[in-house]
Amino acid sequence: MNVRLPFASTWKASQILLLSASVFLFNCKGKDGDPGPKGDPGAQGNPGLNAQQLQENGFIKGTIKGTRRDGTAFTETFEHKYVGTNPASFNKMADDTYYLSLYRSNGNSTNLLDESSLNIVVENKGKNNQKVYIGKTPNDPYTYYNNYLRINRVLPNNQLFLLSTTALFEAKKVLLPVSKANNATYKFENYGQNSDYISENNQTYLTYMIEDGSRIYFSYSFNSEYQFAFLVDKTGARSTTSEVYGNLKLVYKNVDNYGTYAIYNGNTDISEIILVPADTQEITNFQYNAATGLVTFDYKMAIQQFRLNNTTRNSLEITGSVSAKVYDSTVMRVGNE
């Protein structure tokens, strides 16, 4: 005969059995054994990126050849890897025409900052008749400041060579403070284009270098003019009179939207306005991978001798290459869309 226990009795019996098993297992627990041998160390992880490495994105690199203001020929190489604050992307100028602004620096936050920038124009982007060249930013009627190079090099005897130049791919008028013909007499460095402001005894002078190492100081007089103040020769001797330079003065002029000073002998203008030819450029081996965003190309630029923003005041030749990740376009989000 089968006897069915009430549900409560069955539950109670099950709890007693579980409790008994738990007590049995607890009381049967033995002493822990000795720890096992130490395992081999895992593989070394990859090092993390520092702040500068996180800013690296390809490079703008190259070689620049030219002549310093003192007549010394030079060849310098550069490689700039660090990006600015804005990512690079193709920006539409017109149908099938885009521009791409690329900036890189050496990451140095001091006055020894080296940097370079190129503004690339791509016509018929992605088509068989695609054309790529270094150009100027849209709506920029007279400057190419997006195409520039700046490098610093420490020279012997605690000297610093600072080179800065921009490229201008169109002819432009420039004032030579002393004409080529007149400079046979006055012998200003680079026809008077080498000028610097120097402060002494709470007064600021506009100064010009002479080929023999002397420096002429001009002090402000009136009506945007400067008068001869004194001359310091290469030995440091100072003279407030000069048979050749004592009658010179500086007169402000605006030439092709650029303000500068012409040199006068008394009331005779001895300056000259010249037309500086366009700088030249070439881009070859341009490649753009739309899937990865990688842009690569080689470039070449020739900067003219009298380009206003060429600090050497001599012709320059720049050759180099670029590799950078860019975006196909920049999309602005509106609200939460």
C-alpha atoms as a PDB file:
ATOM      1  CA  MET A   1       0.000   0.000   0.000  1.00  0.00           C
ATOM      2  CA  ASN A   2       1.395   3.397  -1.001  1.00  0.00           C
ATOM      3  CA  VAL A   3       1.133   6.189   1.557  1.00  0.00           C
ATOM      4  CA  ARG A   4       1.336   9.802   0.231  1.00  0.00           C
ATOM      5  CA  LEU A   5       2.840  12.214   2.733  1.00  0.00           C
ATOM      6  CA  PRO A   6       1.326  15.620   2.995  1.00  0.00           C
ATOM      7  CA  PHE A   7       3.174  18.383   0.993  1.00  0.00           C
ATOM      8  CA  ALA A   8       4.413  20.107   4.142  1.00  0.00           C
ATOM      9  CA  SER A   9       5.890  16.880   5.484  1.00  0.00           C
ATOM     10  CA  THR A  10       7.665  16.215   2.188  1.00  0.00           C
ATOM     11  CA  TRP A  11       9.134  19.735   2.106  1.00  0.00           C
ATOM     12  CA  LYS A  12      10.292  19.418   5.686  1.00  0.00           C
ATOM     13  CA  ALA A  13      11.953  16.086   5.048  1.00  0.00           C
ATOM     14  CA  SER A  14      13.801  17.523   2.026  1.00  0.00           C
ATOM     15  CA  GLN A  15      15.104  20.438   4.076  1.00  0.00           C
ATOM     16  CA  ILE A  16      16.404  18.081   6.751  1.00  0.00           C
ATOM     17  CA  LEU A  17      18.266  16.035   4.147  1.00  0.00           C
ATOM     18  CA  LEU A  18      19.847  19.160   2.563  1.00  0.00           C
ATOM     19  CA  LEU A  19      20.872  20.515   5.925  1.00  0.00           C
ATOM     20  CA  SER A  20      22.406  17.217   6.876  1.00  0.00           C
ATOM     21  CA  ALA A  21      24.350  17.093   3.604  1.00  0.00           C
ATOM     22  CA  SER A  22      25.622  20.640   4.127  1.00  0.00           C
ATOM     23  CA  VAL A  23      26.769  19.863   7.633  1.00  0.00           C
ATOM     24  CA  PHE A  24      28.456  16.728   6.375  1.00  0.00           C
ATOM     25  CA  LEU A  25      30.275  18.548   3.592  1.00  0.00           C
ATOM     26  CA  PHE A  26      31.345  21.409   5.876  1.00  0.00           C
ATOM     27  CA  ASN A  27      32.683  19.105   8.532  1.00  0.00           C
ATOM     28  CA  CYS A  28      34.564  17.082   5.956  1.00  0.00           C
ATOM     29  CA  LYS A  29      36.508  20.061   4.541  1.00  0.00           C
ATOM     30  CA  GLY A  30      40.262  19.398   4.860  1.00  0.00           C
ATOM     31  CA  LYS A  31      43.227  21.756   5.310  1.00  0.00           C
ATOM     32  CA  ASP A  32      44.195  23.847   2.246  1.00  0.00           C
ATOM     33  CA  GLY A  33      47.232  22.571   0.406  1.00  0.00           C
ATOM     34  CA  ASP A  34      50.390  24.614  -0.332  1.00  0.00           C
ATOM     35  CA  PRO A  35      50.162  27.132  -3.216  1.00  0.00           C
ATOM     36  CA  GLY A  36      51.201  25.825  -6.604  1.00  0.00           C
ATOM     37  CA  PRO A  37      54.284  27.061  -8.449  1.00  0.00           C
ATOM     38  CA  LYS A  38      54.179  30.603  -9.884  1.00  0.00           C
ATOM     39  CA  GLY A  39      53.254  30.725 -13.559  1.00  0.00           C
ATOM     40  CA  ASP A  40      55.396  32.287 -16.268  1.00  0.00           C
ATOM     41  CA  PRO A  41      54.832  36.050 -16.791  1.00  0.00           C
ATOM     42  CA  GLY A  42      52.597  37.036 -19.668  1.00  0.00           C
ATOM     43  CA  ALA A  43      53.835  38.746 -22.809  1.00  0.00           C
ATOM     44  CA  GLN A  44      54.764  42.431 -22.519  1.00  0.00           C
ATOM     45  CA  GLY A  45      51.922  44.670 -23.676  1.00  0.00           C
ATOM     46  CA  ASN A  46      52.430  47.302 -26.343  1.00  0.00           C
ATOM     47  CA  PRO A  47      53.524  50.674 -24.928  1.00  0.00           C
ATOM     48  CA  GLY A  48      50.906  53.402 -24.816  1.00  0.00           C
ATOM     49  CA  LEU A  49      51.121  56.567 -26.891  1.00  0.00           C
ATOM     50  CA  ASN A  50      52.298  59.823 -25.367  1.00  0.00           C
ATOM     51  CA  ALA A  51      50.557  63.139 -25.977  1.00  0.00           C
ATOM     52  CA  GLN A  52      52.687  64.041 -28.991  1.00  0.00           C
ATOM     53  CA  GLN A  53      52.340  60.605 -30.577  1.00  0.00           C
ATOM     54  CA  LEU A  54      48.569  60.940 -30.324  1.00  0.00           C
ATOM     55  CA  GLN A  55      48.889  64.082 -32.461  1.00  0.00           C
ATOM     56  CA  GLU A  56      51.043  62.466 -35.143  1.00  0.00           C
ATOM     57  CA  ASN A  57      49.422  62.006 -38.514  1.00  0.00           C
ATOM     58  CA  GLY A  58      51.777  61.235 -41.377  1.00  0.00           C
ATOM     59  CA  PHE A  59      54.202  63.970 -42.343  1.00  0.00           C
ATOM     60  CA  ILE A  60      55.173  66.906 -44.514  1.00  0.00           C
ATOM     61  CA  LYS A  61      58.878  66.568 -45.200  1.00  0.00           C
ATOM     62  CA  GLY A  62      61.427  67.866 -47.638  1.00  0.00           C
ATOM     63  CA  THR A  63      64.685  69.594 -48.454  1.00  0.00           C
ATOM     64  CA  ILE A  64      65.161  73.338 -48.885  1.00  0.00           C
ATOM     65  CA  LYS A  65      68.119  74.881 -50.716  1.00  0.00           C
ATOM     66  CA  GLY A  66      69.087  78.520 -50.930  1.00  0.00           C
ATOM     67  CA  THR A  67      71.387  81.266 -49.690  1.00  0.00           C
ATOM     68  CA  ARG A  68      71.225  83.029 -46.340  1.00  0.00           C
ATOM     69  CA  ARG A  69      71.233  86.841 -46.126  1.00  0.00           C
ATOM     70  CA  ASP A  70      74.951  86.775 -45.317  1.00  0.00           C
ATOM     71  CA  GLY A  71      75.666  84.989 -48.625  1.00  0.00           C
ATOM     72  CA  THR A  72      76.167  81.508 -47.151  1.00  0.00           C
ATOM     73  CA  ALA A  73      74.664  78.710 -49.247  1.00  0.00           C
ATOM     74  CA  PHE A  74      72.642  76.132 -47.308  1.00  0.00           C
ATOM     75  CA  THR A  75      70.761  72.861 -47.677  1.00  0.00           C
ATOM     76  CA  GLU A  76      68.403  71.914 -44.845  1.00  0.00           C
ATOM     77  CA  THR A  77      66.033  68.984 -44.400  1.00  0.00           C
ATOM     78  CA  PHE A  78      62.808  68.988 -42.377  1.00  0.00           C
ATOM     79  CA  GLU A  79      60.086  66.549 -41.315  1.00  0.00           C
ATOM     80  CA  HIS A  80      56.944  67.792 -39.585  1.00  0.00           C
ATOM     81  CA  LYS A  81      54.553  65.200 -38.098  1.00  0.00           C
ATOM     82  CA  TYR A  82      52.238  66.889 -35.628  1.00  0.00           C
ATOM     83  CA  VAL A  83      48.804  68.130 -36.658  1.00  0.00           C
ATOM     84  CA  GLY A  84      46.974  71.267 -35.611  1.00  0.00           C
ATOM     85  CA  THR A  85      43.621  71.443 -33.857  1.00  0.00           C
ATOM     86  CA  ASN A  86      41.455  70.829 -36.915  1.00  0.00           C
ATOM     87  CA  PRO A  87      41.409  67.559 -38.885  1.00  0.00           C
ATOM     88  CA  ALA A  88      42.072  67.865 -42.598  1.00  0.00           C
ATOM     89  CA  SER A  89      39.282  67.172 -45.059  1.00  0.00           C
ATOM     90  CA  PHE A  90      38.381  67.923 -48.656  1.00  0.00           C
ATOM     91  CA  ASN A  91      36.333  71.122 -48.907  1.00  0.00           C
ATOM     92  CA  LYS A  92      34.220  71.778 -51.960  1.00  0.00           C
ATOM     93  CA  MET A  93      35.033  74.913 -53.981  1.00  0.00           C
ATOM     94  CA  ALA A  94      32.896  74.190 -57.046  1.00  0.00           C
ATOM     95  CA  ASP A  95      31.535  71.203 -58.948  1.00  0.00           C
ATOM     96  CA  ASP A  96      34.212  68.472 -58.830  1.00  0.00           C
ATOM     97  CA  THR A  97      36.785  70.955 -57.433  1.00  0.00           C
ATOM     98  CA  TYR A  98      38.034  70.685 -53.858  1.00  0.00           C
ATOM     99  CA  TYR A  99      40.781  72.136 -51.696  1.00  0.00           C
ATOM    100  CA  LEU A 100      42.670  70.434 -48.901  1.00  0.00           C
ATOM    101  CA  SER A 101      44.654  72.365 -46.271  1.00  0.00           C
ATOM    102  CA  LEU A 102      47.467  70.373 -44.651  1.00  0.00           C
ATOM    103  CA  TYR A 103      49.414  71.618 -41.621  1.00  0.00           C
ATOM    104  CA  ARG A 104      52.197  69.902 -39.682  1.00  0.00           C
ATOM    105  CA  SER A 105      54.790  71.035 -37.114  1.00  0.00           C
ATOM    106  CA  ASN A 106      57.709  69.594 -35.162  1.00  0.00           C
ATOM    107  CA  GLY A 107      55.639  69.754 -31.977  1.00  0.00           C
ATOM    108  CA  ASN A 108      57.944  72.286 -30.335  1.00  0.00           C
ATOM    109  CA  SER A 109      55.955  74.827 -28.324  1.00  0.00           C
ATOM    110  CA  THR A 110      58.910  77.208 -27.900  1.00  0.00           C
ATOM    111  CA  ASN A 111      60.224  79.840 -30.298  1.00  0.00           C
ATOM    112  CA  LEU A 112      62.054  76.997 -32.100  1.00  0.00           C
ATOM    113  CA  LEU A 113      58.772  75.887 -33.634  1.00  0.00           C
ATOM    114  CA  ASP A 114      59.177  74.438 -37.137  1.00  0.00           C
ATOM    115  CA  GLU A 115      56.033  74.202 -39.240  1.00  0.00           C
ATOM    116  CA  SER A 116      54.781  73.808 -42.779  1.00  0.00           C
ATOM    117  CA  SER A 117      51.462  74.169 -44.545  1.00  0.00           C
ATOM    118  CA  LEU A 118      50.254  73.308 -48.023  1.00  0.00           C
ATOM    119  CA  ASN A 119      46.952  74.168 -49.666  1.00  0.00           C
ATOM    120  CA  ILE A 120      46.115  71.566 -52.307  1.00  0.00           C
ATOM    121  CA  VAL A 121      43.521  72.127 -55.025  1.00  0.00           C
ATOM    122  CA  VAL A 122      42.007  69.064 -56.749  1.00  0.00           C
ATOM    123  CA  GLU A 123      40.035  69.608 -59.947  1.00  0.00           C
ATOM    124  CA  ASN A 124      37.801  66.832 -61.330  1.00  0.00           C
ATOM    125  CA  LYS A 125      38.400  64.828 -58.155  1.00  0.00           C
ATOM    126  CA  GLY A 126      38.478  61.092 -58.790  1.00  0.00           C
ATOM    127  CA  LYS A 127      38.117  61.376 -62.575  1.00  0.00           C
ATOM    128  CA  ASN A 128      40.500  60.450 -65.360  1.00  0.00           C
ATOM    129  CA  ASN A 129      41.228  64.138 -66.062  1.00  0.00           C
ATOM    130  CA  GLN A 130      41.942  64.946 -62.404  1.00  0.00           C
ATOM    131  CA  LYS A 131      44.345  67.873 -61.890  1.00  0.00           C
ATOM    132  CA  VAL A 132      46.185  68.543 -58.611  1.00  0.00           C
ATOM    133  CA  TYR A 133      48.257  71.607 -57.746  1.00  0.00           C
ATOM    134  CA  ILE A 134      49.295  73.867 -54.870  1.00  0.00           C
ATOM    135  CA  GLY A 135      46.964  76.850 -54.858  1.00  0.00           C
ATOM    136  CA  LYS A 136      45.338  79.437 -52.655  1.00  0.00           C
ATOM    137  CA  THR A 137      42.378  79.297 -50.321  1.00  0.00           C
ATOM    138  CA  PRO A 138      39.010  80.216 -51.864  1.00  0.00           C
ATOM    139  CA  ASN A 139      37.866  83.809 -51.314  1.00  0.00           C
ATOM    140  CA  ASP A 140      41.464  84.845 -50.620  1.00  0.00           C
ATOM    141  CA  PRO A 141      42.022  87.531 -53.258  1.00  0.00           C
ATOM    142  CA  TYR A 142      45.725  88.310 -52.883  1.00  0.00           C
ATOM    143  CA  THR A 143      47.599  86.003 -50.502  1.00  0.00           C
ATOM    144  CA  TYR A 144      48.741  82.400 -50.361  1.00  0.00           C
ATOM    145  CA  TYR A 145      49.538  82.331 -46.649  1.00  0.00           C
ATOM    146  CA  ASN A 146      48.359  78.709 -46.427  1.00  0.00           C
ATOM    147  CA  ASN A 147      51.491  77.710 -48.362  1.00  0.00           C
ATOM    148  CA  TYR A 148      54.424  78.414 -46.097  1.00  0.00           C
ATOM    149  CA  LEU A 149      57.471  76.939 -44.388  1.00  0.00           C
ATOM    150  CA  ARG A 150      59.275  77.931 -41.189  1.00  0.00           C
ATOM    151  CA  ILE A 151      62.433  76.298 -39.843  1.00  0.00           C
ATOM    152  CA  ASN A 152      64.968  77.177 -37.142  1.00  0.00           C
ATOM    153  CA  ARG A 153      68.555  75.958 -37.083  1.00  0.00           C
ATOM    154  CA  VAL A 154      71.124  76.626 -34.375  1.00  0.00           C
ATOM    155  CA  LEU A 155      74.450  77.737 -35.884  1.00  0.00           C
ATOM    156  CA  PRO A 156      77.947  77.860 -34.353  1.00  0.00           C
ATOM    157  CA  ASN A 157      78.851  80.761 -32.052  1.00  0.00           C
ATOM    158  CA  ASN A 158      75.356  80.795 -30.492  1.00  0.00           C
ATOM    159  CA  GLN A 159      73.639  82.011 -33.669  1.00  0.00           C
ATOM    160  CA  LEU A 160      70.160  81.093 -34.886  1.00  0.00           C
ATOM    161  CA  PHE A 161      69.153  80.748 -38.537  1.00  0.00           C
ATOM    162  CA  LEU A 162      65.433  81.464 -38.888  1.00  0.00           C
ATOM    163  CA  LEU A 163      63.879  80.838 -42.276  1.00  0.00           C
ATOM    164  CA  SER A 164      60.303  81.711 -43.072  1.00  0.00           C
ATOM    165  CA  THR A 165      58.726  81.923 -46.500  1.00  0.00           C
ATOM    166  CA  THR A 166      55.380  81.813 -48.254  1.00  0.00           C
ATOM    167  CA  ALA A 167      54.679  80.974 -51.876  1.00  0.00           C
ATOM    168  CA  LEU A 168      52.831  83.242 -54.290  1.00  0.00           C
ATOM    169  CA  PHE A 169      51.901  81.763 -57.646  1.00  0.00           C
ATOM    170  CA  GLU A 170      51.262  85.032 -59.416  1.00  0.00           C
ATOM    171  CA  ALA A 171      53.400  88.032 -60.336  1.00  0.00           C
ATOM    172  CA  LYS A 172      53.403  90.869 -57.803  1.00  0.00           C
ATOM    173  CA  LYS A 173      54.969  94.328 -57.541  1.00  0.00           C
ATOM    174  CA  VAL A 174      57.597  94.806 -54.829  1.00  0.00           C
ATOM    175  CA  LEU A 175      59.489  97.880 -53.677  1.00  0.00           C
ATOM    176  CA  LEU A 176      63.279  97.782 -53.503  1.00  0.00           C
ATOM    177  CA  PRO A 177      64.105 100.564 -50.983  1.00  0.00           C
ATOM    178  CA  VAL A 178      67.257 101.263 -53.032  1.00  0.00           C
ATOM    179  CA  SER A 179      67.196 100.592 -56.769  1.00  0.00           C
ATOM    180  CA  LYS A 180      69.640  98.171 -58.347  1.00  0.00           C
ATOM    181  CA  ALA A 181      71.374 101.057 -60.127  1.00  0.00           C
ATOM    182  CA  ASN A 182      71.622 103.282 -57.041  1.00  0.00           C
ATOM    183  CA  ASN A 183      72.801 100.459 -54.825  1.00  0.00           C
ATOM    184  CA  ALA A 184      76.158 100.493 -56.639  1.00  0.00           C
ATOM    185  CA  THR A 185      76.813 103.601 -54.541  1.00  0.00           C
ATOM    186  CA  TYR A 186      75.057 102.790 -51.262  1.00  0.00           C
ATOM    187  CA  LYS A 187      75.652  99.010 -51.068  1.00  0.00           C
ATOM    188  CA  PHE A 188      72.639  98.140 -48.908  1.00  0.00           C
ATOM    189  CA  GLU A 189      72.202  94.411 -48.252  1.00  0.00           C
ATOM    190  CA  ASN A 190      69.594  93.061 -50.674  1.00  0.00           C
ATOM    191  CA  TYR A 191      68.829  96.576 -51.960  1.00  0.00           C
ATOM    192  CA  GLY A 192      67.589  97.662 -48.541  1.00  0.00           C
ATOM    193  CA  GLN A 193      65.167  94.790 -47.985  1.00  0.00           C
ATOM    194  CA  ASN A 194      66.987  93.712 -44.802  1.00  0.00           C
ATOM    195  CA  SER A 195      65.512  96.002 -42.150  1.00  0.00           C
ATOM    196  CA  ASP A 196      64.895  95.548 -38.422  1.00  0.00           C
ATOM    197  CA  TYR A 197      63.423  97.576 -35.582  1.00  0.00           C
ATOM    198  CA  ILE A 198      65.882  98.021 -32.696  1.00  0.00           C
ATOM    199  CA  SER A 199      65.158  99.765 -29.385  1.00  0.00           C
ATOM    200  CA  GLU A 200      67.871 101.689 -27.515  1.00  0.00           C
ATOM    201  CA  ASN A 201      67.471 104.060 -24.555  1.00  0.00           C
ATOM    202  CA  ASN A 202      63.665 104.006 -24.800  1.00  0.00           C
ATOM    203  CA  GLN A 203      63.726 104.894 -28.488  1.00  0.00           C
ATOM    204  CA  THR A 204      62.918 102.637 -31.424  1.00  0.00           C
ATOM    205  CA  TYR A 205      64.989 102.853 -34.600  1.00  0.00           C
ATOM    206  CA  LEU A 206      64.381 101.380 -38.046  1.00  0.00           C
ATOM    207  CA  THR A 207      67.739  99.961 -39.130  1.00  0.00           C
ATOM    208  CA  TYR A 208      69.284  98.731 -42.380  1.00  0.00           C
ATOM    209  CA  MET A 209      72.356  96.585 -42.987  1.00  0.00           C
ATOM    210  CA  ILE A 210      75.204  97.589 -45.301  1.00  0.00           C
ATOM    211  CA  GLU A 211      77.253  95.004 -47.184  1.00  0.00           C
ATOM    212  CA  ASP A 212      80.424  95.789 -45.181  1.00  0.00           C
ATOM    213  CA  GLY A 213      78.686  94.852 -41.904  1.00  0.00           C
ATOM    214  CA  SER A 214      77.709  98.375 -40.842  1.00  0.00           C
ATOM    215  CA  ARG A 215      74.178  99.201 -39.691  1.00  0.00           C
ATOM    216  CA  ILE A 216      72.331 102.494 -40.330  1.00  0.00           C
ATOM    217  CA  TYR A 217      69.848 103.728 -37.703  1.00  0.00           C
ATOM    218  CA  PHE A 218      66.876 105.915 -38.672  1.00  0.00           C
ATOM    219  CA  SER A 219      64.688 107.660 -36.079  1.00  0.00           C
ATOM    220  CA  TYR A 220      61.049 108.661 -36.587  1.00  0.00           C
ATOM    221  CA  SER A 221      60.557 112.333 -37.390  1.00  0.00           C
ATOM    222  CA  PHE A 222      57.065 113.235 -38.715  1.00  0.00           C
ATOM    223  CA  ASN A 223      54.517 112.403 -41.432  1.00  0.00           C
ATOM    224  CA  SER A 224      55.517 108.701 -41.421  1.00  0.00           C
ATOM    225  CA  GLU A 225      59.128 109.602 -42.220  1.00  0.00           C
ATOM    226  CA  TYR A 226      62.391 108.551 -40.610  1.00  0.00           C
ATOM    227  CA  GLN A 227      65.621 110.595 -40.623  1.00  0.00           C
ATOM    228  CA  PHE A 228      69.227 109.400 -40.457  1.00  0.00           C
ATOM    229  CA  ALA A 229      70.270 109.113 -36.788  1.00  0.00           C
ATOM    230  CA  PHE A 230      73.670 107.413 -36.714  1.00  0.00           C
ATOM    231  CA  LEU A 231      75.777 104.637 -38.217  1.00  0.00           C
ATOM    232  CA  VAL A 232      77.444 101.770 -36.351  1.00  0.00           C
ATOM    233  CA  ASP A 233      80.283 100.108 -38.258  1.00  0.00           C
ATOM    234  CA  LYS A 234      81.265  96.453 -38.003  1.00  0.00           C
ATOM    235  CA  THR A 235      83.688  97.215 -35.145  1.00  0.00           C
ATOM    236  CA  GLY A 236      80.910  98.798 -33.087  1.00  0.00           C
ATOM    237  CA  ALA A 237      82.087 102.398 -33.569  1.00  0.00           C
ATOM    238  CA  ARG A 238      79.201 104.876 -33.745  1.00  0.00           C
ATOM    239  CA  SER A 239      79.041 108.040 -35.868  1.00  0.00           C
ATOM    240  CA  THR A 240      76.234 110.617 -36.070  1.00  0.00           C
ATOM    241  CA  THR A 241      77.537 111.931 -39.384  1.00  0.00           C
ATOM    242  CA  SER A 242      78.159 110.187 -42.711  1.00  0.00           C
ATOM    243  CA  GLU A 243      79.122 111.640 -46.076  1.00  0.00           C
ATOM    244  CA  VAL A 244      77.327 108.827 -47.938  1.00  0.00           C
ATOM    245  CA  TYR A 245      74.330 108.104 -45.675  1.00  0.00           C
ATOM    246  CA  GLY A 246      73.825 111.276 -43.606  1.00  0.00           C
ATOM    247  CA  ASN A 247      71.282 112.824 -45.998  1.00  0.00           C
ATOM    248  CA  LEU A 248      69.106 109.700 -46.328  1.00  0.00           C
ATOM    249  CA  LYS A 249      65.553 109.428 -45.044  1.00  0.00           C
ATOM    250  CA  LEU A 250      62.708 106.896 -45.184  1.00  0.00           C
ATOM    251  CA  VAL A 251      59.341 107.720 -46.769  1.00  0.00           C
ATOM    252  CA  TYR A 252      56.296 105.467 -46.378  1.00  0.00           C
ATOM    253  CA  LYS A 253      54.767 104.010 -49.561  1.00  0.00           C
ATOM    254  CA  ASN A 254      51.968 101.605 -50.372  1.00  0.00           C
ATOM    255  CA  VAL A 255      52.868  99.241 -53.193  1.00  0.00           C
ATOM    256  CA  ASP A 256      50.349  96.672 -54.394  1.00  0.00           C
ATOM    257  CA  ASN A 257      48.464  96.749 -51.054  1.00  0.00           C
ATOM    258  CA  TYR A 258      51.656  96.426 -49.045  1.00  0.00           C
ATOM    259  CA  GLY A 259      53.009  99.245 -46.884  1.00  0.00           C
ATOM    260  CA  THR A 260      56.784  99.723 -46.800  1.00  0.00           C
ATOM    261  CA  TYR A 261      59.493 102.408 -46.779  1.00  0.00           C
ATOM    262  CA  ALA A 262      61.366 103.847 -49.754  1.00  0.00           C
ATOM    263  CA  ILE A 263      64.775 105.447 -49.212  1.00  0.00           C
ATOM    264  CA  TYR A 264      65.290 109.031 -50.333  1.00  0.00           C
ATOM    265  CA  ASN A 265      68.478 111.052 -50.652  1.00  0.00           C
ATOM    266  CA  GLY A 266      67.110 114.414 -49.575  1.00  0.00           C
ATOM    267  CA  ASN A 267      64.034 114.810 -51.763  1.00  0.00           C
ATOM    268  CA  THR A 268      65.236 112.381 -54.432  1.00  0.00           C
ATOM    269  CA  ASP A 269      63.606 108.963 -54.462  1.00  0.00           C
ATOM    270  CA  ILE A 270      66.338 106.342 -54.947  1.00  0.00           C
ATOM    271  CA  SER A 271      64.003 103.324 -54.648  1.00  0.00           C
ATOM    272  CA  GLU A 272      62.627 101.104 -57.419  1.00  0.00           C
ATOM    273  CA  ILE A 273      59.421  99.133 -57.950  1.00  0.00           C
ATOM    274  CA  ILE A 274      59.958  95.793 -59.658  1.00  0.00           C
ATOM    275  CA  LEU A 275      57.624  93.018 -60.785  1.00  0.00           C
ATOM    276  CA  VAL A 276      58.501  89.752 -59.070  1.00  0.00           C
ATOM    277  CA  PRO A 277      57.567  86.726 -61.223  1.00  0.00           C
ATOM    278  CA  ALA A 278      55.197  84.090 -59.913  1.00  0.00           C
ATOM    279  CA  ASP A 279      56.646  81.306 -57.804  1.00  0.00           C
ATOM    280  CA  THR A 280      56.384  77.859 -59.399  1.00  0.00           C
ATOM    281  CA  GLN A 281      55.045  74.557 -58.078  1.00  0.00           C
ATOM    282  CA  GLU A 282      54.488  70.978 -59.138  1.00  0.00           C
ATOM    283  CA  ILE A 283      52.710  67.992 -57.578  1.00  0.00           C
ATOM    284  CA  THR A 284      53.400  64.441 -58.776  1.00  0.00           C
ATOM    285  CA  ASN A 285      52.404  60.908 -57.746  1.00  0.00           C
ATOM    286  CA  PHE A 286      49.180  62.086 -56.086  1.00  0.00           C
ATOM    287  CA  GLN A 287      47.238  59.180 -54.568  1.00  0.00           C
ATOM    288  CA  TYR A 288      44.070  59.217 -52.466  1.00  0.00           C
ATOM    289  CA  ASN A 289      42.602  56.061 -50.903  1.00  0.00           C
ATOM    290  CA  ALA A 290      38.969  56.882 -50.135  1.00  0.00           C
ATOM    291  CA  ALA A 291      38.612  53.779 -47.943  1.00  0.00           C
ATOM    292  CA  THR A 292      41.510  54.597 -45.586  1.00  0.00           C
ATOM    293  CA  GLY A 293      41.670  58.359 -46.117  1.00  0.00           C
ATOM    294  CA  LEU A 294      45.406  58.216 -46.919  1.00  0.00           C
ATOM    295  CA  VAL A 295      46.743  60.973 -49.189  1.00  0.00           C
ATOM    296  CA  THR A 296      50.298  60.797 -50.552  1.00  0.00           C
ATOM    297  CA  PHE A 297      52.158  62.925 -53.101  1.00  0.00           C
ATOM    298  CA  ASP A 298      55.487  64.544 -53.970  1.00  0.00           C
ATOM    299  CA  TYR A 299      55.844  68.287 -54.393  1.00  0.00           C
ATOM    300  CA  LYS A 300      58.269  70.938 -55.631  1.00  0.00           C
ATOM    301  CA  MET A 301      58.261  74.724 -55.196  1.00  0.00           C
ATOM    302  CA  ALA A 302      60.597  77.500 -56.356  1.00  0.00           C
ATOM    303  CA  ILE A 303      60.379  80.771 -54.386  1.00  0.00           C
ATOM    304  CA  GLN A 304      61.547  83.993 -56.052  1.00  0.00           C
ATOM    305  CA  GLN A 305      64.393  86.119 -54.692  1.00  0.00           C
ATOM    306  CA  PHE A 306      62.393  89.244 -53.863  1.00  0.00           C
ATOM    307  CA  ARG A 307      59.289  87.530 -52.475  1.00  0.00           C
ATOM    308  CA  LEU A 308      58.196  89.765 -49.578  1.00  0.00           C
ATOM    309  CA  ASN A 309      57.695  86.946 -47.089  1.00  0.00           C
ATOM    310  CA  ASN A 310      60.949  85.173 -47.954  1.00  0.00           C
ATOM    311  CA  THR A 311      63.224  86.066 -45.021  1.00  0.00           C
ATOM    312  CA  THR A 312      66.407  85.029 -46.861  1.00  0.00           C
ATOM    313  CA  ARG A 313      65.698  87.581 -49.632  1.00  0.00           C
ATOM    314  CA  ASN A 314      67.212  85.023 -52.005  1.00  0.00           C
ATOM    315  CA  SER A 315      65.662  82.390 -54.255  1.00  0.00           C
ATOM    316  CA  LEU A 316      64.680  79.086 -52.633  1.00  0.00           C
ATOM    317  CA  GLU A 317      64.052  75.580 -53.934  1.00  0.00           C
ATOM    318  CA  ILE A 318      61.873  73.196 -51.905  1.00  0.00           C
ATOM    319  CA  THR A 319      61.287  69.523 -52.756  1.00  0.00           C
ATOM    320  CA  GLY A 320      59.510  67.001 -50.589  1.00  0.00           C
ATOM    321  CA  SER A 321      56.702  64.534 -50.005  1.00  0.00           C
ATOM    322  CA  VAL A 322      53.482  64.277 -48.004  1.00  0.00           C
ATOM    323  CA  SER A 323      51.633  61.422 -46.348  1.00  0.00           C
ATOM    324  CA  ALA A 324      48.512  62.176 -44.309  1.00  0.00           C
ATOM    325  CA  LYS A 325      45.153  60.747 -43.302  1.00  0.00           C
ATOM    326  CA  VAL A 326      42.342  63.082 -44.328  1.00  0.00           C
ATOM    327  CA  TYR A 327      38.559  62.940 -44.433  1.00  0.00           C
ATOM    328  CA  ASP A 328      36.568  62.871 -47.635  1.00  0.00           C
ATOM    329  CA  SER A 329      34.340  65.643 -46.288  1.00  0.00           C
ATOM    330  CA  THR A 330      33.303  67.358 -43.073  1.00  0.00           C
ATOM    331  CA  VAL A 331      29.689  66.785 -42.011  1.00  0.00           C
ATOM    332  CA  MET A 332      28.118  69.098 -39.443  1.00  0.00           C
ATOM    333  CA  ARG A 333      25.568  67.587 -37.078  1.00  0.00           C
ATOM    334  CA  VAL A 334      22.424  69.541 -36.232  1.00  0.00           C
ATOM    335  CA  GLY A 335      20.835  68.831 -32.847  1.00  0.00           C
ATOM    336  CA  ASN A 336      20.537  65.098 -32.196  1.00  0.00           C
ATOM    337  CA  GLU A 337      20.284  64.112 -35.837  1.00  0.00           C
END
